[in-house]
Amino acid sequence: RKQESVDDIKKIVHTYPLLRHTDMS
């Protein structure tokens, strides 16, 4: 059960864009 819960946590994928760095307008 612990292994299954760890696998479930790893499967979470963020689909939104995450800006790391920019110097654009």
mmCIF file of all heavy atoms, coordinates in Angstrom:
data_MODEL
# 
_entry.id   MODEL 
# 
loop_
_atom_site.group_PDB 
_atom_site.id 
_atom_site.type_symbol 
_atom_site.label_atom_id 
_atom_site.label_alt_id 
_atom_site.label_comp_id 
_atom_site.label_asym_id 
_atom_site.label_entity_id 
_atom_site.label_seq_id 
_atom_site.pdbx_PDB_ins_code 
_atom_site.Cartn_x 
_atom_site.Cartn_y 
_atom_site.Cartn_z 
_atom_site.occupancy 
_atom_site.B_iso_or_equiv 
_atom_site.pdbx_formal_charge 
_atom_site.auth_seq_id 
_atom_site.auth_comp_id 
_atom_site.auth_asym_id 
_atom_site.auth_atom_id 
_atom_site.pdbx_PDB_model_num 
ATOM 1   N N   . ARG A 1 1  ? 0.829  -1.211 0.000   1.00 0.00 ? 1  ARG A N   1 
ATOM 2   C CA  . ARG A 1 1  ? 0.000  0.000  0.000   1.00 0.00 ? 1  ARG A CA  1 
ATOM 3   C C   . ARG A 1 1  ? 0.862  1.258  0.000   1.00 0.00 ? 1  ARG A C   1 
ATOM 4   O O   . ARG A 1 1  ? 0.561  2.235  -0.663  1.00 0.00 ? 1  ARG A O   1 
ATOM 5   C CB  . ARG A 1 1  ? -0.943 0.004  1.196   1.00 0.00 ? 1  ARG A CB  1 
ATOM 6   C CG  . ARG A 1 1  ? -2.062 -0.990 1.047   1.00 0.00 ? 1  ARG A CG  1 
ATOM 7   C CD  . ARG A 1 1  ? -3.047 -0.888 2.168   1.00 0.00 ? 1  ARG A CD  1 
ATOM 8   N NE  . ARG A 1 1  ? -4.032 -1.952 2.054   1.00 0.00 ? 1  ARG A NE  1 
ATOM 9   C CZ  . ARG A 1 1  ? -4.719 -2.414 3.050   1.00 0.00 ? 1  ARG A CZ  1 
ATOM 10  N NH1 . ARG A 1 1  ? -4.558 -1.899 4.267   1.00 0.00 ? 1  ARG A NH1 1 
ATOM 11  N NH2 . ARG A 1 1  ? -5.597 -3.374 2.875   1.00 0.00 ? 1  ARG A NH2 1 
ATOM 12  N N   . LYS A 1 2  ? 1.949  1.234  0.767   1.00 0.00 ? 2  LYS A N   1 
ATOM 13  C CA  . LYS A 1 2  ? 2.853  2.385  0.792   1.00 0.00 ? 2  LYS A CA  1 
ATOM 14  C C   . LYS A 1 2  ? 3.447  2.616  -0.594  1.00 0.00 ? 2  LYS A C   1 
ATOM 15  O O   . LYS A 1 2  ? 3.541  3.739  -1.062  1.00 0.00 ? 2  LYS A O   1 
ATOM 16  C CB  . LYS A 1 2  ? 3.980  2.173  1.804   1.00 0.00 ? 2  LYS A CB  1 
ATOM 17  C CG  . LYS A 1 2  ? 3.554  2.292  3.232   1.00 0.00 ? 2  LYS A CG  1 
ATOM 18  C CD  . LYS A 1 2  ? 4.718  2.069  4.161   1.00 0.00 ? 2  LYS A CD  1 
ATOM 19  C CE  . LYS A 1 2  ? 4.270  2.035  5.612   1.00 0.00 ? 2  LYS A CE  1 
ATOM 20  N NZ  . LYS A 1 2  ? 5.377  1.742  6.519   1.00 0.00 ? 2  LYS A NZ  1 
ATOM 21  N N   . GLN A 1 3  ? 3.854  1.547  -1.252  1.00 0.00 ? 3  GLN A N   1 
ATOM 22  C CA  . GLN A 1 3  ? 4.432  1.654  -2.591  1.00 0.00 ? 3  GLN A CA  1 
ATOM 23  C C   . GLN A 1 3  ? 3.404  2.203  -3.581  1.00 0.00 ? 3  GLN A C   1 
ATOM 24  O O   . GLN A 1 3  ? 3.721  3.041  -4.415  1.00 0.00 ? 3  GLN A O   1 
ATOM 25  C CB  . GLN A 1 3  ? 4.953  0.291  -3.079  1.00 0.00 ? 3  GLN A CB  1 
ATOM 26  C CG  . GLN A 1 3  ? 5.628  0.344  -4.432  1.00 0.00 ? 3  GLN A CG  1 
ATOM 27  C CD  . GLN A 1 3  ? 6.855  1.227  -4.449  1.00 0.00 ? 3  GLN A CD  1 
ATOM 28  O OE1 . GLN A 1 3  ? 7.569  1.358  -3.471  1.00 0.00 ? 3  GLN A OE1 1 
ATOM 29  N NE2 . GLN A 1 3  ? 7.088  1.880  -5.576  1.00 0.00 ? 3  GLN A NE2 1 
ATOM 30  N N   . GLU A 1 4  ? 2.147  1.755  -3.483  1.00 0.00 ? 4  GLU A N   1 
ATOM 31  C CA  . GLU A 1 4  ? 1.099  2.246  -4.370  1.00 0.00 ? 4  GLU A CA  1 
ATOM 32  C C   . GLU A 1 4  ? 0.858  3.736  -4.161  1.00 0.00 ? 4  GLU A C   1 
ATOM 33  O O   . GLU A 1 4  ? 0.669  4.480  -5.113  1.00 0.00 ? 4  GLU A O   1 
ATOM 34  C CB  . GLU A 1 4  ? -0.196 1.465  -4.148  1.00 0.00 ? 4  GLU A CB  1 
ATOM 35  C CG  . GLU A 1 4  ? -0.165 0.060  -4.703  1.00 0.00 ? 4  GLU A CG  1 
ATOM 36  C CD  . GLU A 1 4  ? -1.420 -0.733 -4.361  1.00 0.00 ? 4  GLU A CD  1 
ATOM 37  O OE1 . GLU A 1 4  ? -2.323 -0.171 -3.713  1.00 0.00 ? 4  GLU A OE1 1 
ATOM 38  O OE2 . GLU A 1 4  ? -1.492 -1.907 -4.750  1.00 0.00 ? 4  GLU A OE2 1 
ATOM 39  N N   . SER A 1 5  ? 0.874  4.186  -2.911  1.00 0.00 ? 5  SER A N   1 
ATOM 40  C CA  . SER A 1 5  ? 0.645  5.602  -2.648  1.00 0.00 ? 5  SER A CA  1 
ATOM 41  C C   . SER A 1 5  ? 1.811  6.444  -3.159  1.00 0.00 ? 5  SER A C   1 
ATOM 42  O O   . SER A 1 5  ? 1.614  7.546  -3.668  1.00 0.00 ? 5  SER A O   1 
ATOM 43  C CB  . SER A 1 5  ? 0.396  5.858  -1.162  1.00 0.00 ? 5  SER A CB  1 
ATOM 44  O OG  . SER A 1 5  ? 1.561  5.587  -0.414  1.00 0.00 ? 5  SER A OG  1 
ATOM 45  N N   . VAL A 1 6  ? 3.031  5.925  -3.059  1.00 0.00 ? 6  VAL A N   1 
ATOM 46  C CA  . VAL A 1 6  ? 4.188  6.639  -3.594  1.00 0.00 ? 6  VAL A CA  1 
ATOM 47  C C   . VAL A 1 6  ? 4.080  6.733  -5.113  1.00 0.00 ? 6  VAL A C   1 
ATOM 48  O O   . VAL A 1 6  ? 4.344  7.777  -5.704  1.00 0.00 ? 6  VAL A O   1 
ATOM 49  C CB  . VAL A 1 6  ? 5.509  5.937  -3.177  1.00 0.00 ? 6  VAL A CB  1 
ATOM 50  C CG1 . VAL A 1 6  ? 6.690  6.508  -3.930  1.00 0.00 ? 6  VAL A CG1 1 
ATOM 51  C CG2 . VAL A 1 6  ? 5.721  6.067  -1.676  1.00 0.00 ? 6  VAL A CG2 1 
ATOM 52  N N   . ASP A 1 7  ? 3.661  5.652  -5.777  1.00 0.00 ? 7  ASP A N   1 
ATOM 53  C CA  . ASP A 1 7  ? 3.491  5.660  -7.226  1.00 0.00 ? 7  ASP A CA  1 
ATOM 54  C C   . ASP A 1 7  ? 2.400  6.645  -7.650  1.00 0.00 ? 7  ASP A C   1 
ATOM 55  O O   . ASP A 1 7  ? 2.533  7.323  -8.666  1.00 0.00 ? 7  ASP A O   1 
ATOM 56  C CB  . ASP A 1 7  ? 3.153  4.254  -7.744  1.00 0.00 ? 7  ASP A CB  1 
ATOM 57  C CG  . ASP A 1 7  ? 4.327  3.301  -7.666  1.00 0.00 ? 7  ASP A CG  1 
ATOM 58  O OD1 . ASP A 1 7  ? 5.478  3.797  -7.554  1.00 0.00 ? 7  ASP A OD1 1 
ATOM 59  O OD2 . ASP A 1 7  ? 4.111  2.070  -7.702  1.00 0.00 ? 7  ASP A OD2 1 
ATOM 60  N N   . ASP A 1 8  ? 1.319  6.731  -6.879  1.00 0.00 ? 8  ASP A N   1 
ATOM 61  C CA  . ASP A 1 8  ? 0.250  7.672  -7.182  1.00 0.00 ? 8  ASP A CA  1 
ATOM 62  C C   . ASP A 1 8  ? 0.746  9.108  -7.095  1.00 0.00 ? 8  ASP A C   1 
ATOM 63  O O   . ASP A 1 8  ? 0.384  9.952  -7.914  1.00 0.00 ? 8  ASP A O   1 
ATOM 64  C CB  . ASP A 1 8  ? -0.936 7.485  -6.236  1.00 0.00 ? 8  ASP A CB  1 
ATOM 65  C CG  . ASP A 1 8  ? -1.685 6.186  -6.505  1.00 0.00 ? 8  ASP A CG  1 
ATOM 66  O OD1 . ASP A 1 8  ? -1.537 5.640  -7.615  1.00 0.00 ? 8  ASP A OD1 1 
ATOM 67  O OD2 . ASP A 1 8  ? -2.418 5.736  -5.604  1.00 0.00 ? 8  ASP A OD2 1 
ATOM 68  N N   . ILE A 1 9  ? 1.582  9.402  -6.127  1.00 0.00 ? 9  ILE A N   1 
ATOM 69  C CA  . ILE A 1 9  ? 2.131  10.749 -5.971  1.00 0.00 ? 9  ILE A CA  1 
ATOM 70  C C   . ILE A 1 9  ? 3.020  11.089 -7.156  1.00 0.00 ? 9  ILE A C   1 
ATOM 71  O O   . ILE A 1 9  ? 2.982  12.187 -7.687  1.00 0.00 ? 9  ILE A O   1 
ATOM 72  C CB  . ILE A 1 9  ? 2.915  10.865 -4.645  1.00 0.00 ? 9  ILE A CB  1 
ATOM 73  C CG1 . ILE A 1 9  ? 1.945  10.784 -3.466  1.00 0.00 ? 9  ILE A CG1 1 
ATOM 74  C CG2 . ILE A 1 9  ? 3.706  12.168 -4.604  1.00 0.00 ? 9  ILE A CG2 1 
ATOM 75  C CD1 . ILE A 1 9  ? 2.622  10.665 -2.125  1.00 0.00 ? 9  ILE A CD1 1 
ATOM 76  N N   . LYS A 1 10 ? 3.819  10.148 -7.623  1.00 0.00 ? 10 LYS A N   1 
ATOM 77  C CA  . LYS A 1 10 ? 4.718  10.386 -8.750  1.00 0.00 ? 10 LYS A CA  1 
ATOM 78  C C   . LYS A 1 10 ? 3.965  10.607 -10.059 1.00 0.00 ? 10 LYS A C   1 
ATOM 79  O O   . LYS A 1 10 ? 4.484  11.220 -10.966 1.00 0.00 ? 10 LYS A O   1 
ATOM 80  C CB  . LYS A 1 10 ? 5.685  9.207  -8.916  1.00 0.00 ? 10 LYS A CB  1 
ATOM 81  C CG  . LYS A 1 10 ? 6.713  9.118  -7.831  1.00 0.00 ? 10 LYS A CG  1 
ATOM 82  C CD  . LYS A 1 10 ? 7.637  7.946  -8.073  1.00 0.00 ? 10 LYS A CD  1 
ATOM 83  C CE  . LYS A 1 10 ? 8.648  7.805  -6.964  1.00 0.00 ? 10 LYS A CE  1 
ATOM 84  N NZ  . LYS A 1 10 ? 9.518  6.647  -7.167  1.00 0.00 ? 10 LYS A NZ  1 
ATOM 85  N N   . LYS A 1 11 ? 2.748  10.097 -10.175 1.00 0.00 ? 11 LYS A N   1 
ATOM 86  C CA  . LYS A 1 11 ? 1.984  10.205 -11.413 1.00 0.00 ? 11 LYS A CA  1 
ATOM 87  C C   . LYS A 1 11 ? 1.360  11.578 -11.619 1.00 0.00 ? 11 LYS A C   1 
ATOM 88  O O   . LYS A 1 11 ? 0.866  11.873 -12.684 1.00 0.00 ? 11 LYS A O   1 
ATOM 89  C CB  . LYS A 1 11 ? 0.889  9.142  -11.452 1.00 0.00 ? 11 LYS A CB  1 
ATOM 90  C CG  . LYS A 1 11 ? 1.423  7.753  -11.642 1.00 0.00 ? 11 LYS A CG  1 
ATOM 91  C CD  . LYS A 1 11 ? 0.294  6.749  -11.653 1.00 0.00 ? 11 LYS A CD  1 
ATOM 92  C CE  . LYS A 1 11 ? 0.842  5.337  -11.716 1.00 0.00 ? 11 LYS A CE  1 
ATOM 93  N NZ  . LYS A 1 11 ? -0.238 4.348  -11.633 1.00 0.00 ? 11 LYS A NZ  1 
ATOM 94  N N   . ILE A 1 12 ? 1.382  12.429 -10.612 1.00 0.00 ? 12 ILE A N   1 
ATOM 95  C CA  . ILE A 1 12 ? 0.789  13.752 -10.733 1.00 0.00 ? 12 ILE A CA  1 
ATOM 96  C C   . ILE A 1 12 ? 1.628  14.563 -11.725 1.00 0.00 ? 12 ILE A C   1 
ATOM 97  O O   . ILE A 1 12 ? 2.818  14.748 -11.549 1.00 0.00 ? 12 ILE A O   1 
ATOM 98  C CB  . ILE A 1 12 ? 0.732  14.475 -9.372  1.00 0.00 ? 12 ILE A CB  1 
ATOM 99  C CG1 . ILE A 1 12 ? -0.184 13.718 -8.418  1.00 0.00 ? 12 ILE A CG1 1 
ATOM 100 C CG2 . ILE A 1 12 ? 0.258  15.917 -9.558  1.00 0.00 ? 12 ILE A CG2 1 
ATOM 101 C CD1 . ILE A 1 12 ? -0.156 14.235 -7.007  1.00 0.00 ? 12 ILE A CD1 1 
ATOM 102 N N   . VAL A 1 13 ? 0.988  15.006 -12.794 1.00 0.00 ? 13 VAL A N   1 
ATOM 103 C CA  . VAL A 1 13 ? 1.674  15.781 -13.818 1.00 0.00 ? 13 VAL A CA  1 
ATOM 104 C C   . VAL A 1 13 ? 1.003  17.139 -13.910 1.00 0.00 ? 13 VAL A C   1 
ATOM 105 O O   . VAL A 1 13 ? -0.214 17.236 -14.026 1.00 0.00 ? 13 VAL A O   1 
ATOM 106 C CB  . VAL A 1 13 ? 1.602  15.063 -15.190 1.00 0.00 ? 13 VAL A CB  1 
ATOM 107 C CG1 . VAL A 1 13 ? 2.222  15.924 -16.272 1.00 0.00 ? 13 VAL A CG1 1 
ATOM 108 C CG2 . VAL A 1 13 ? 2.274  13.715 -15.119 1.00 0.00 ? 13 VAL A CG2 1 
ATOM 109 N N   . HIS A 1 14 ? 1.808  18.165 -13.864 1.00 0.00 ? 14 HIS A N   1 
ATOM 110 C CA  . HIS A 1 14 ? 1.286  19.522 -13.974 1.00 0.00 ? 14 HIS A CA  1 
ATOM 111 C C   . HIS A 1 14 ? 1.181  19.874 -15.445 1.00 0.00 ? 14 HIS A C   1 
ATOM 112 O O   . HIS A 1 14 ? 2.147  19.766 -16.184 1.00 0.00 ? 14 HIS A O   1 
ATOM 113 C CB  . HIS A 1 14 ? 2.210  20.508 -13.263 1.00 0.00 ? 14 HIS A CB  1 
ATOM 114 C CG  . HIS A 1 14 ? 2.403  20.167 -11.814 1.00 0.00 ? 14 HIS A CG  1 
ATOM 115 N ND1 . HIS A 1 14 ? 1.423  20.364 -10.883 1.00 0.00 ? 14 HIS A ND1 1 
ATOM 116 C CD2 . HIS A 1 14 ? 3.435  19.608 -11.157 1.00 0.00 ? 14 HIS A CD2 1 
ATOM 117 C CE1 . HIS A 1 14 ? 1.858  19.959 -9.699  1.00 0.00 ? 14 HIS A CE1 1 
ATOM 118 N NE2 . HIS A 1 14 ? 3.077  19.488 -9.849  1.00 0.00 ? 14 HIS A NE2 1 
ATOM 119 N N   . THR A 1 15 ? 0.016  20.297 -15.882 1.00 0.00 ? 15 THR A N   1 
ATOM 120 C CA  . THR A 1 15 ? -0.187 20.602 -17.291 1.00 0.00 ? 15 THR A CA  1 
ATOM 121 C C   . THR A 1 15 ? -0.162 22.097 -17.576 1.00 0.00 ? 15 THR A C   1 
ATOM 122 O O   . THR A 1 15 ? -0.273 22.495 -18.725 1.00 0.00 ? 15 THR A O   1 
ATOM 123 C CB  . THR A 1 15 ? -1.527 20.033 -17.781 1.00 0.00 ? 15 THR A CB  1 
ATOM 124 O OG1 . THR A 1 15 ? -2.562 20.571 -16.983 1.00 0.00 ? 15 THR A OG1 1 
ATOM 125 C CG2 . THR A 1 15 ? -1.534 18.520 -17.715 1.00 0.00 ? 15 THR A CG2 1 
ATOM 126 N N   . TYR A 1 16 ? 0.007  22.896 -16.567 1.00 0.00 ? 16 TYR A N   1 
ATOM 127 C CA  . TYR A 1 16 ? 0.047  24.334 -16.786 1.00 0.00 ? 16 TYR A CA  1 
ATOM 128 C C   . TYR A 1 16 ? 1.486  24.772 -17.092 1.00 0.00 ? 16 TYR A C   1 
ATOM 129 O O   . TYR A 1 16 ? 2.439  24.121 -16.687 1.00 0.00 ? 16 TYR A O   1 
ATOM 130 C CB  . TYR A 1 16 ? -0.483 25.087 -15.564 1.00 0.00 ? 16 TYR A CB  1 
ATOM 131 C CG  . TYR A 1 16 ? 0.237  24.747 -14.286 1.00 0.00 ? 16 TYR A CG  1 
ATOM 132 C CD1 . TYR A 1 16 ? 1.382  25.435 -13.915 1.00 0.00 ? 16 TYR A CD1 1 
ATOM 133 C CD2 . TYR A 1 16 ? -0.222 23.741 -13.449 1.00 0.00 ? 16 TYR A CD2 1 
ATOM 134 C CE1 . TYR A 1 16 ? 2.056  25.135 -12.745 1.00 0.00 ? 16 TYR A CE1 1 
ATOM 135 C CE2 . TYR A 1 16 ? 0.440  23.431 -12.280 1.00 0.00 ? 16 TYR A CE2 1 
ATOM 136 C CZ  . TYR A 1 16 ? 1.580  24.129 -11.939 1.00 0.00 ? 16 TYR A CZ  1 
ATOM 137 O OH  . TYR A 1 16 ? 2.247  23.820 -10.778 1.00 0.00 ? 16 TYR A OH  1 
ATOM 138 N N   . PRO A 1 17 ? 1.650  25.865 -17.823 1.00 0.00 ? 17 PRO A N   1 
ATOM 139 C CA  . PRO A 1 17 ? 3.001  26.356 -18.104 1.00 0.00 ? 17 PRO A CA  1 
ATOM 140 C C   . PRO A 1 17 ? 3.608  27.010 -16.861 1.00 0.00 ? 17 PRO A C   1 
ATOM 141 O O   . PRO A 1 17 ? 2.941  27.785 -16.177 1.00 0.00 ? 17 PRO A O   1 
ATOM 142 C CB  . PRO A 1 17 ? 2.795  27.371 -19.221 1.00 0.00 ? 17 PRO A CB  1 
ATOM 143 C CG  . PRO A 1 17 ? 1.374  27.764 -19.143 1.00 0.00 ? 17 PRO A CG  1 
ATOM 144 C CD  . PRO A 1 17 ? 0.628  26.619 -18.518 1.00 0.00 ? 17 PRO A CD  1 
ATOM 145 N N   . LEU A 1 18 ? 4.849  26.687 -16.589 1.00 0.00 ? 18 LEU A N   1 
ATOM 146 C CA  . LEU A 1 18 ? 5.557  27.233 -15.435 1.00 0.00 ? 18 LEU A CA  1 
ATOM 147 C C   . LEU A 1 18 ? 6.751  28.027 -15.945 1.00 0.00 ? 18 LEU A C   1 
ATOM 148 O O   . LEU A 1 18 ? 7.723  27.454 -16.444 1.00 0.00 ? 18 LEU A O   1 
ATOM 149 C CB  . LEU A 1 18 ? 6.013  26.101 -14.517 1.00 0.00 ? 18 LEU A CB  1 
ATOM 150 C CG  . LEU A 1 18 ? 6.844  26.493 -13.306 1.00 0.00 ? 18 LEU A CG  1 
ATOM 151 C CD1 . LEU A 1 18 ? 6.024  27.360 -12.363 1.00 0.00 ? 18 LEU A CD1 1 
ATOM 152 C CD2 . LEU A 1 18 ? 7.341  25.262 -12.586 1.00 0.00 ? 18 LEU A CD2 1 
ATOM 153 N N   . LEU A 1 19 ? 6.671  29.333 -15.859 1.00 0.00 ? 19 LEU A N   1 
ATOM 154 C CA  . LEU A 1 19 ? 7.729  30.204 -16.346 1.00 0.00 ? 19 LEU A CA  1 
ATOM 155 C C   . LEU A 1 19 ? 8.897  30.185 -15.364 1.00 0.00 ? 19 LEU A C   1 
ATOM 156 O O   . LEU A 1 19 ? 8.726  30.444 -14.173 1.00 0.00 ? 19 LEU A O   1 
ATOM 157 C CB  . LEU A 1 19 ? 7.203  31.628 -16.510 1.00 0.00 ? 19 LEU A CB  1 
ATOM 158 C CG  . LEU A 1 19 ? 8.170  32.639 -17.090 1.00 0.00 ? 19 LEU A CG  1 
ATOM 159 C CD1 . LEU A 1 19 ? 8.550  32.253 -18.514 1.00 0.00 ? 19 LEU A CD1 1 
ATOM 160 C CD2 . LEU A 1 19 ? 7.550  34.018 -17.064 1.00 0.00 ? 19 LEU A CD2 1 
ATOM 161 N N   . ARG A 1 20 ? 10.073 29.873 -15.867 1.00 0.00 ? 20 ARG A N   1 
ATOM 162 C CA  . ARG A 1 20 ? 11.270 29.817 -15.028 1.00 0.00 ? 20 ARG A CA  1 
ATOM 163 C C   . ARG A 1 20 ? 12.051 31.126 -15.102 1.00 0.00 ? 20 ARG A C   1 
ATOM 164 O O   . ARG A 1 20 ? 12.493 31.659 -14.106 1.00 0.00 ? 20 ARG A O   1 
ATOM 165 C CB  . ARG A 1 20 ? 12.133 28.638 -15.467 1.00 0.00 ? 20 ARG A CB  1 
ATOM 166 C CG  . ARG A 1 20 ? 13.315 28.395 -14.635 1.00 0.00 ? 20 ARG A CG  1 
ATOM 167 C CD  . ARG A 1 20 ? 12.906 27.777 -13.315 1.00 0.00 ? 20 ARG A CD  1 
ATOM 168 N NE  . ARG A 1 20 ? 14.115 27.451 -12.586 1.00 0.00 ? 20 ARG A NE  1 
ATOM 169 C CZ  . ARG A 1 20 ? 14.289 27.682 -11.315 1.00 0.00 ? 20 ARG A CZ  1 
ATOM 170 N NH1 . ARG A 1 20 ? 13.319 28.182 -10.597 1.00 0.00 ? 20 ARG A NH1 1 
ATOM 171 N NH2 . ARG A 1 20 ? 15.414 27.380 -10.725 1.00 0.00 ? 20 ARG A NH2 1 
ATOM 172 N N   . HIS A 1 21 ? 12.245 31.634 -16.329 1.00 0.00 ? 21 HIS A N   1 
ATOM 173 C CA  . HIS A 1 21 ? 12.982 32.890 -16.495 1.00 0.00 ? 21 HIS A CA  1 
ATOM 174 C C   . HIS A 1 21 ? 12.630 33.521 -17.833 1.00 0.00 ? 21 HIS A C   1 
ATOM 175 O O   . HIS A 1 21 ? 12.486 32.822 -18.833 1.00 0.00 ? 21 HIS A O   1 
ATOM 176 C CB  . HIS A 1 21 ? 14.500 32.642 -16.453 1.00 0.00 ? 21 HIS A CB  1 
ATOM 177 C CG  . HIS A 1 21 ? 15.299 33.880 -16.726 1.00 0.00 ? 21 HIS A CG  1 
ATOM 178 N ND1 . HIS A 1 21 ? 15.484 34.849 -15.788 1.00 0.00 ? 21 HIS A ND1 1 
ATOM 179 C CD2 . HIS A 1 21 ? 15.914 34.318 -17.844 1.00 0.00 ? 21 HIS A CD2 1 
ATOM 180 C CE1 . HIS A 1 21 ? 16.207 35.833 -16.318 1.00 0.00 ? 21 HIS A CE1 1 
ATOM 181 N NE2 . HIS A 1 21 ? 16.474 35.523 -17.572 1.00 0.00 ? 21 HIS A NE2 1 
ATOM 182 N N   . THR A 1 22 ? 12.509 34.825 -17.839 1.00 0.00 ? 22 THR A N   1 
ATOM 183 C CA  . THR A 1 22 ? 12.354 35.566 -19.093 1.00 0.00 ? 22 THR A CA  1 
ATOM 184 C C   . THR A 1 22 ? 12.762 37.010 -18.876 1.00 0.00 ? 22 THR A C   1 
ATOM 185 O O   . THR A 1 22 ? 12.727 37.507 -17.748 1.00 0.00 ? 22 THR A O   1 
ATOM 186 C CB  . THR A 1 22 ? 10.910 35.516 -19.633 1.00 0.00 ? 22 THR A CB  1 
ATOM 187 O OG1 . THR A 1 22 ? 10.899 36.075 -20.939 1.00 0.00 ? 22 THR A OG1 1 
ATOM 188 C CG2 . THR A 1 22 ? 9.941  36.256 -18.752 1.00 0.00 ? 22 THR A CG2 1 
ATOM 189 N N   . ASP A 1 23 ? 13.175 37.650 -19.962 1.00 0.00 ? 23 ASP A N   1 
ATOM 190 C CA  . ASP A 1 23 ? 13.407 39.087 -19.925 1.00 0.00 ? 23 ASP A CA  1 
ATOM 191 C C   . ASP A 1 23 ? 12.617 39.771 -21.048 1.00 0.00 ? 23 ASP A C   1 
ATOM 192 O O   . ASP A 1 23 ? 12.873 40.913 -21.382 1.00 0.00 ? 23 ASP A O   1 
ATOM 193 C CB  . ASP A 1 23 ? 14.898 39.420 -20.002 1.00 0.00 ? 23 ASP A CB  1 
ATOM 194 C CG  . ASP A 1 23 ? 15.546 38.980 -21.309 1.00 0.00 ? 23 ASP A CG  1 
ATOM 195 O OD1 . ASP A 1 23 ? 14.884 38.299 -22.111 1.00 0.00 ? 23 ASP A OD1 1 
ATOM 196 O OD2 . ASP A 1 23 ? 16.727 39.316 -21.517 1.00 0.00 ? 23 ASP A OD2 1 
ATOM 197 N N   . MET A 1 24 ? 11.632 39.053 -21.606 1.00 0.00 ? 24 MET A N   1 
ATOM 198 C CA  . MET A 1 24 ? 10.785 39.584 -22.676 1.00 0.00 ? 24 MET A CA  1 
ATOM 199 C C   . MET A 1 24 ? 9.774  40.585 -22.117 1.00 0.00 ? 24 MET A C   1 
ATOM 200 O O   . MET A 1 24 ? 9.462  40.558 -20.927 1.00 0.00 ? 24 MET A O   1 
ATOM 201 C CB  . MET A 1 24 ? 9.999  38.447 -23.351 1.00 0.00 ? 24 MET A CB  1 
ATOM 202 C CG  . MET A 1 24 ? 10.823 37.485 -24.128 1.00 0.00 ? 24 MET A CG  1 
ATOM 203 S SD  . MET A 1 24 ? 9.761  36.203 -24.828 1.00 0.00 ? 24 MET A SD  1 
ATOM 204 C CE  . MET A 1 24 ? 10.930 35.360 -25.881 1.00 0.00 ? 24 MET A CE  1 
ATOM 205 N N   . SER A 1 25 ? 9.247  41.409 -23.022 1.00 0.00 ? 25 SER A N   1 
ATOM 206 C CA  . SER A 1 25 ? 8.155  42.302 -22.631 1.00 0.00 ? 25 SER A CA  1 
ATOM 207 C C   . SER A 1 25 ? 6.930  41.450 -22.303 1.00 0.00 ? 25 SER A C   1 
ATOM 208 O O   . SER A 1 25 ? 6.836  40.294 -22.715 1.00 0.00 ? 25 SER A O   1 
ATOM 209 C CB  . SER A 1 25 ? 7.828  43.269 -23.767 1.00 0.00 ? 25 SER A CB  1 
ATOM 210 O OG  . SER A 1 25 ? 7.279  42.564 -24.868 1.00 0.00 ? 25 SER A OG  1 
# 
